[in-house]
Protein backbone atom coordinates (compact mmCIF):
# COMPACT_ATOMS: atom_id res chain seq x y z
CA MET A 1 -0.06 -0.02 0.07
CA LYS A 2 1.16 3.56 -0.66
CA LYS A 3 2.22 5.60 2.27
CA LEU A 4 2.05 9.08 3.58
CA TYR A 5 4.43 10.28 6.38
CA VAL A 6 3.01 12.84 8.72
CA VAL A 7 6.15 14.55 10.41
CA GLY A 8 6.37 16.64 13.46
CA ILE A 9 9.13 19.23 12.88
CA GLY A 10 9.46 20.57 16.46
CA ALA A 11 9.85 24.18 16.82
CA GLY A 12 11.13 24.65 13.29
CA ASN A 13 14.84 24.67 13.98
CA TYR A 14 17.14 21.82 12.61
CA GLU A 15 18.58 21.04 16.00
CA GLY A 16 15.17 20.39 17.54
CA MET A 17 14.13 17.85 15.04
CA THR A 18 14.22 14.17 15.69
CA VAL A 19 16.68 12.12 13.57
CA LYS A 20 13.85 10.16 12.14
CA ALA A 21 12.02 13.42 11.19
CA VAL A 22 15.20 14.60 9.33
CA LYS A 23 15.78 11.32 7.60
CA THR A 24 12.06 11.19 6.49
CA LEU A 25 12.25 14.60 4.95
CA GLU A 26 15.50 13.94 3.21
CA GLU A 27 13.94 10.98 1.59
CA ALA A 28 10.71 12.75 0.65
CA ASP A 29 9.83 13.59 -2.91
CA VAL A 30 7.32 16.42 -1.88
CA ILE A 31 6.91 18.14 1.43
CA VAL A 32 3.30 19.52 2.03
CA GLY A 33 2.59 21.94 4.92
CA TYR A 34 1.31 25.24 6.14
CA THR A 35 3.10 28.06 4.40
CA ALA A 36 5.05 29.34 7.33
CA TYR A 37 6.32 25.80 8.29
CA CYS A 38 7.33 25.18 4.58
CA ASP A 39 9.28 28.36 4.80
CA LEU A 40 11.11 27.14 7.90
CA MET A 41 12.14 23.88 6.22
CA ARG A 42 13.31 25.11 2.90
CA PRO A 43 16.81 26.21 4.00
CA PHE A 44 17.34 22.69 5.59
CA PHE A 45 16.01 20.64 2.61
CA PRO A 46 17.04 22.61 -0.59
CA GLY A 47 15.89 21.12 -3.83
CA LYS A 48 12.82 19.62 -2.42
CA THR A 49 9.37 20.30 -3.88
CA PHE A 50 7.08 22.03 -1.41
CA LEU A 51 3.41 22.44 -1.60
CA SER A 52 1.77 24.72 0.77
CA THR A 53 -1.59 26.22 1.87
CA PRO A 54 -2.46 29.13 4.20
CA MET A 55 -3.74 28.89 7.82
CA MET A 56 -7.19 27.38 8.31
CA ARG A 57 -6.86 25.07 5.21
CA GLU A 58 -5.85 21.92 6.97
CA ILE A 59 -8.24 19.63 5.28
CA GLU A 60 -7.23 20.92 1.94
CA ARG A 61 -3.62 20.45 2.81
CA CYS A 62 -4.24 16.94 4.06
CA ARG A 63 -6.11 16.02 0.83
CA ILE A 64 -3.19 17.33 -1.29
CA ALA A 65 -0.76 15.24 0.55
CA LEU A 66 -2.89 12.11 0.26
CA GLU A 67 -3.46 12.62 -3.43
CA GLN A 68 0.22 12.91 -3.95
CA ALA A 69 0.88 9.94 -2.08
CA ALA A 70 -1.80 7.88 -3.94
CA GLU A 71 0.22 8.59 -7.10
CA GLY A 72 3.15 6.74 -5.56
CA LYS A 73 5.31 9.73 -4.65
CA ASN A 74 7.21 9.70 -1.33
CA ILE A 75 5.17 12.42 0.48
CA ALA A 76 5.80 14.15 3.89
CA LEU A 77 3.08 16.28 5.42
CA ILE A 78 4.67 18.44 8.10
CA CYS A 79 3.24 19.88 11.28
CA SER A 80 4.90 22.10 14.04
CA GLY A 81 5.68 20.36 17.26
CA ASP A 82 4.30 16.76 17.23
CA ALA A 83 1.93 15.56 14.36
CA GLY A 84 -0.48 13.99 16.83
CA ILE A 85 -0.65 16.89 19.36
CA TYR A 86 -2.99 19.52 17.79
CA GLY A 87 -1.39 18.35 14.60
CA MET A 88 -2.28 16.75 11.11
CA ALA A 89 -2.03 13.06 12.16
CA SER A 90 -5.81 12.91 13.07
CA PRO A 91 -7.33 14.13 9.75
CA ALA A 92 -4.71 12.27 7.72
CA LEU A 93 -5.86 9.04 9.43
CA GLU A 94 -9.56 9.93 9.08
CA LEU A 95 -9.23 10.46 5.43
CA CYS A 96 -6.49 7.96 4.36
CA LEU A 97 -8.97 5.12 3.39
CA GLU A 98 -10.56 7.36 0.63
CA TYR A 99 -7.28 7.34 -1.03
CA GLY A 100 -5.98 3.88 -0.29
CA VAL A 101 -3.01 5.28 1.46
CA GLU A 102 -1.18 4.02 4.67
CA VAL A 103 -0.37 6.81 7.15
CA GLU A 104 2.91 6.64 9.30
CA ILE A 105 3.27 9.17 12.11
CA VAL A 106 6.77 10.42 12.75
CA ALA A 107 7.00 11.99 16.30
CA GLY A 108 8.20 15.49 16.93
CA VAL A 109 9.13 17.54 19.99
CA THR A 110 6.13 19.55 20.96
CA ALA A 111 6.20 23.02 22.67
CA ALA A 112 5.22 21.50 25.98
CA ILE A 113 8.58 19.52 25.95
CA SER A 114 10.91 21.95 24.39
CA GLY A 115 9.35 24.90 26.33
CA ALA A 116 9.68 23.02 29.74
CA ALA A 117 13.39 22.40 28.97
CA LEU A 118 13.98 26.06 28.59
CA LEU A 119 12.23 26.91 31.93
CA GLY A 120 13.91 24.05 33.97
CA SER A 121 11.68 20.92 34.90
CA PRO A 122 8.12 22.06 35.32
CA LEU A 123 6.40 18.87 34.02
CA THR A 124 8.18 16.23 36.10
CA ASN A 125 4.98 15.07 37.68
CA ASP A 126 1.41 14.63 36.20
CA PHE A 127 0.48 17.46 33.74
CA SER A 128 -2.30 18.64 31.36
CA VAL A 129 -2.04 20.35 28.00
CA ILE A 130 -4.92 22.69 27.16
CA SER A 131 -5.46 24.99 24.08
CA LEU A 132 -7.19 28.17 24.66
CA SER A 133 -8.18 28.34 21.05
CA ASP A 134 -11.98 28.22 20.68
CA LEU A 135 -12.02 27.85 16.83
CA LEU A 136 -12.60 24.03 17.12
CA THR A 137 -13.48 23.51 20.76
CA PRO A 138 -16.36 25.51 22.52
CA MET A 139 -15.13 27.82 25.18
CA GLU A 140 -17.28 26.33 27.94
CA VAL A 141 -15.68 22.92 27.22
CA ILE A 142 -12.28 24.62 27.52
CA GLU A 143 -13.26 26.26 30.78
CA LYS A 144 -14.43 22.94 32.21
CA ARG A 145 -11.11 21.30 31.36
CA LEU A 146 -9.26 24.26 33.08
CA GLU A 147 -11.35 23.82 36.08
CA CYS A 148 -10.91 20.10 36.37
CA ALA A 149 -7.10 20.61 35.91
CA ALA A 150 -7.02 23.21 38.40
CA ILE A 151 -8.87 21.01 40.99
CA ALA A 152 -6.65 18.01 40.28
CA ASP A 153 -3.53 20.01 41.15
CA VAL A 154 -1.51 19.12 38.08
CA ALA A 155 0.75 21.31 36.19
CA VAL A 156 -0.79 22.87 33.11
CA VAL A 157 0.58 23.90 29.80
CA LEU A 158 -1.48 26.35 27.75
CA TYR A 159 -1.24 26.46 24.06
CA ASN A 160 -2.70 29.25 21.89
CA PRO A 161 -3.06 31.55 24.87
CA ALA A 162 -4.00 34.74 23.04
CA SER A 163 -4.59 36.33 19.61
CA LYS A 164 -6.13 39.45 18.25
CA LYS A 165 -9.58 38.01 18.55
CA ARG A 166 -8.84 36.27 21.93
CA ALA A 167 -7.11 38.94 23.92
CA ASP A 168 -8.76 37.92 27.22
CA HIS A 169 -8.53 34.07 27.13
CA LEU A 170 -5.49 33.92 29.27
CA ARG A 171 -6.83 36.19 31.85
CA ARG A 172 -10.03 34.01 31.96
CA ALA A 173 -7.87 30.93 32.36
CA CYS A 174 -6.10 32.57 35.30
CA GLU A 175 -9.23 33.53 36.99
CA ILE A 176 -10.45 29.73 36.84
CA MET A 177 -7.07 28.62 38.12
CA LEU A 178 -6.97 31.14 41.01
CA LYS A 179 -10.20 29.70 42.30
CA HIS A 180 -8.16 26.50 43.38
CA ARG A 181 -4.62 27.75 43.53
CA VAL A 182 -2.82 30.42 45.42
CA PRO A 183 -1.76 33.63 43.64
CA GLU A 184 1.84 32.78 44.28
CA THR A 185 1.65 29.68 42.26
CA VAL A 186 4.93 29.51 40.18
CA CYS A 187 4.31 30.02 36.46
CA GLY A 188 6.46 30.36 33.30
CA ILE A 189 6.27 31.39 29.76
CA ALA A 190 8.41 30.24 26.78
CA ARG A 191 8.09 32.39 23.60
CA ASN A 192 9.36 31.76 20.10
CA ILE A 193 10.85 28.41 21.19
CA GLY A 194 13.77 27.46 18.95
CA ARG A 195 13.45 30.55 16.81
CA ASP A 196 14.74 34.19 16.69
CA GLY A 197 13.65 36.15 19.81
CA GLU A 198 13.49 33.12 22.01
CA GLU A 199 12.66 34.10 25.54
CA THR A 200 11.53 32.80 28.81
CA LYS A 201 9.96 34.42 31.84
CA LEU A 202 9.09 33.35 35.38
CA LEU A 203 6.13 34.98 37.22
CA THR A 204 3.29 34.15 39.68
CA LEU A 205 -0.17 33.13 38.68
CA SER A 206 -1.51 36.55 39.71
CA GLU A 207 1.10 38.26 37.52
CA LEU A 208 0.28 35.87 34.66
CA SER A 209 -3.22 37.39 34.56
CA ASP A 210 -1.84 40.62 33.09
CA TYR A 211 0.92 38.94 30.80
CA GLN A 212 0.47 39.95 27.07
CA ALA A 213 0.84 36.52 25.47
CA ASP A 214 0.55 35.60 21.78
CA MET A 215 0.31 32.60 19.59
CA PHE A 216 4.06 32.03 19.78
CA THR A 217 3.77 31.75 23.56
CA ALA A 218 3.58 28.47 25.65
CA VAL A 219 2.31 29.14 29.11
CA PHE A 220 3.19 26.77 32.19
CA ILE A 221 1.29 26.82 35.36
CA GLY A 222 2.95 24.86 38.29
CA ASN A 223 1.08 22.74 40.67
CA SER A 224 1.22 23.27 44.48
CA ALA A 225 4.72 21.69 44.72
CA THR A 226 6.32 23.69 41.98
CA ARG A 227 9.19 25.85 43.13
CA ILE A 228 11.91 28.23 41.69
CA ILE A 229 15.27 26.52 42.19
CA ASP A 230 18.35 28.49 40.98
CA GLY A 231 16.28 30.48 38.60
CA LYS A 232 14.59 27.50 37.18
CA MET A 233 10.89 26.32 37.42
CA VAL A 234 10.93 22.92 39.05
CA THR A 235 8.06 20.56 39.78
CA PRO A 236 9.45 17.69 42.18
CA ARG A 237 8.76 14.08 40.92
CA GLY A 238 7.01 13.53 44.24
CA TYR A 239 4.76 16.00 46.22
CA ARG A 240 7.16 15.87 49.24
CA TYR A 241 9.43 18.77 48.67
CA GLU A 242 12.53 18.95 50.95
CA GLY A 243 14.41 22.08 50.15
């Protein structure tokens, strides 16, 4: 059966990609992806044919990749981070039988992992990843998930914390968390991970409410055991903290 590779490219820098992801893209005849991600990959894979679509055209992009794979070409469909975490793995698998194409997922390093490494070790115990984008998930569902995560006292990573149309979503998320966590809860942000302008910042949950995040920001909210140690955000493996 013909095959499509769905590849997580991490943050978009070569050093942050897995060896398997690099090898898969080197062997691909055509690389398909969102325009910005194709632009990131071109310098690393010169001579490759790139096919791209703008934002909000995910299904079209997926069908282009499957059509190319059905013709017998070696096709890689790329996503930022990991293909299975808010990525293109799911629609590719949902559509693949229409084209008689097998799908193989190539894992990538998602922002929760790469951002956590920049901040220290905030996800060493149980954690939850929640997107604040309500384009595909109703806001009431997102708020319920935030509430449950806050009650469960797990560390939380927030993706898509703000945009021009969603300027208040991060503030609302903090309001929900503050119902169950103290204002001094350790938080961190990682922005432009693996790209120009990369930055991190440690702050409290109360301070986070006023932080001006954007779509290039990953937000980390610690649990009740999370501490700052030598300038790093650290969640102990167990809840007994002996410092």
